[in-house]
Structure formats: C-alpha cells, structure tokens
Amino acid sequence: MRRGADRMANRGEEVIYDAFSLSVLRRITVRGSIVGTRQDLEEALAFAGEGKVTTYFSWDKLSNINAVFDRMEHGGIDGRIVLGMSDIDPTN
C-alpha cells in the first residue's frame, strides 16, 4: 500500500487519500474512469502528443462573467471559456 499523489494507481492497489486536506484545502480534483483500458489511455495520450487532438475554447474577460453565464445557460458556448483574471485582452 502506497500513499498516492499525482500518479496513477495500479489495478487492485489501495490508495490512501485524505479527501479533506488533499482536495478541499488544496483545491485538487480526483477523477476516475471505468471506461477503457490502460492501452486505450496510452493511445489517447499518444494522439494528443502527435497533435491529433483539437481543443475548442475561447477567451473572455472575468469582467464579462455574467454574459458568459448567460451564453452558457442558452447553449451558446462551444467547448470551454478561459477567463482572464484582469481586463487585459488575453488574446494579444
């Protein structure tokens, strides 16, 4: 049994995880999937490494957050929105 952080657990391996101090206080998200195999994961990461994966995102200013939420509620966002933390245009 190993204490895990920033790594994948082996199948059947027990990972000790203190959810409050590791997730809540450090704002870490733990995600898992029961779909696919390790080979599927390796192939997916290889596709990304070869530039065969396209991301869909756009930039906006944090000061436009209400308009972003409005667009989101009406299904007007494709992909993700990256919010800049200042009023400087992040696309320049």
Protein backbone atom coordinates (compact mmCIF):
# COMPACT_ATOMS: atom_id res chain seq x y z
CA MET A 1 0.00 0.00 0.00
CA ARG A 2 1.40 3.41 -1.03
CA ARG A 3 0.31 6.92 -0.28
CA GLY A 4 -0.68 8.40 -3.64
CA ALA A 5 -0.34 11.89 -5.05
CA ASP A 6 -0.06 12.93 -8.69
CA ARG A 7 0.17 9.40 -10.03
CA MET A 8 -1.97 6.56 -11.36
CA ALA A 9 -2.72 3.64 -9.09
CA ASN A 10 -2.14 0.12 -10.32
CA ARG A 11 -5.20 -2.10 -10.73
CA GLY A 12 -6.21 -3.51 -7.37
CA GLU A 13 -3.83 -1.24 -5.49
CA GLU A 14 -5.20 0.57 -2.46
CA VAL A 15 -4.50 4.28 -2.34
CA ILE A 16 -4.85 6.15 0.94
CA TYR A 17 -6.46 9.50 0.28
CA ASP A 18 -7.30 12.17 2.87
CA ALA A 19 -10.05 13.93 0.94
CA PHE A 20 -10.31 16.99 3.14
CA SER A 21 -6.68 18.02 3.45
CA LEU A 22 -5.66 16.95 -0.07
CA SER A 23 -8.74 18.02 -2.04
CA VAL A 24 -10.64 20.69 -0.20
CA LEU A 25 -7.74 22.68 1.22
CA ARG A 26 -5.52 22.36 -1.87
CA ARG A 27 -8.43 22.54 -4.37
CA ILE A 28 -7.44 19.27 -6.08
CA THR A 29 -9.93 17.28 -8.14
CA VAL A 30 -9.69 13.50 -8.32
CA ARG A 31 -11.23 11.90 -11.39
CA GLY A 32 -11.55 8.32 -12.37
CA SER A 33 -12.98 6.31 -15.21
CA ILE A 34 -14.17 2.76 -15.57
CA VAL A 35 -14.24 3.09 -19.36
CA GLY A 36 -11.27 1.89 -21.37
CA THR A 37 -8.02 0.16 -20.58
CA ARG A 38 -4.50 1.37 -19.88
CA GLN A 39 -3.73 0.69 -23.54
CA ASP A 40 -6.65 2.97 -24.51
CA LEU A 41 -5.19 5.66 -22.25
CA GLU A 42 -1.72 5.28 -23.75
CA GLU A 43 -3.16 5.54 -27.28
CA ALA A 44 -5.24 8.61 -26.37
CA LEU A 45 -2.20 10.35 -24.87
CA ALA A 46 -0.15 9.43 -27.95
CA PHE A 47 -2.80 11.06 -30.18
CA ALA A 48 -2.59 14.22 -28.09
CA GLY A 49 1.22 14.16 -28.21
CA GLU A 50 1.12 13.87 -32.01
CA GLY A 51 -1.14 16.92 -32.27
CA LYS A 52 -4.17 14.90 -33.40
CA VAL A 53 -6.45 16.26 -30.65
CA THR A 54 -8.19 19.60 -31.13
CA THR A 55 -9.38 21.70 -28.24
CA TYR A 56 -12.30 24.07 -28.55
CA PHE A 57 -12.02 27.13 -26.33
CA SER A 58 -12.30 30.87 -26.39
CA TRP A 59 -11.01 33.69 -24.21
CA ASP A 60 -13.03 36.26 -22.33
CA LYS A 61 -12.50 38.74 -19.53
CA LEU A 62 -13.53 37.99 -15.97
CA SER A 63 -15.48 41.26 -16.01
CA ASN A 64 -17.77 39.61 -18.64
CA ILE A 65 -18.67 36.69 -16.35
CA ASN A 66 -22.40 37.45 -16.32
CA ALA A 67 -22.55 37.46 -20.13
CA VAL A 68 -20.56 34.19 -20.18
CA PHE A 69 -23.06 32.55 -17.80
CA ASP A 70 -25.93 33.87 -19.90
CA ARG A 71 -24.42 32.35 -23.06
CA MET A 72 -23.82 29.09 -21.18
CA GLU A 73 -27.42 28.89 -19.95
CA HIS A 74 -28.65 29.35 -23.53
CA GLY A 75 -26.29 26.76 -25.03
CA GLY A 76 -24.18 29.38 -26.79
CA ILE A 77 -20.74 28.07 -25.83
CA ASP A 78 -18.76 25.55 -27.85
CA GLY A 79 -16.02 23.92 -25.80
CA ARG A 80 -14.69 25.90 -22.87
CA ILE A 81 -14.20 29.56 -21.98
CA VAL A 82 -10.90 30.66 -20.42
CA LEU A 83 -11.39 33.74 -18.27
CA GLY A 84 -8.59 36.26 -17.95
CA MET A 85 -8.15 37.49 -14.38
CA SER A 86 -7.59 41.09 -15.49
CA ASP A 87 -9.08 43.41 -18.09
CA ILE A 88 -6.05 42.87 -20.33
CA ASP A 89 -7.08 41.13 -23.56
CA PRO A 90 -5.54 37.61 -23.20
CA THR A 91 -5.61 37.01 -26.97
CA ASN A 92 -2.88 39.59 -27.65
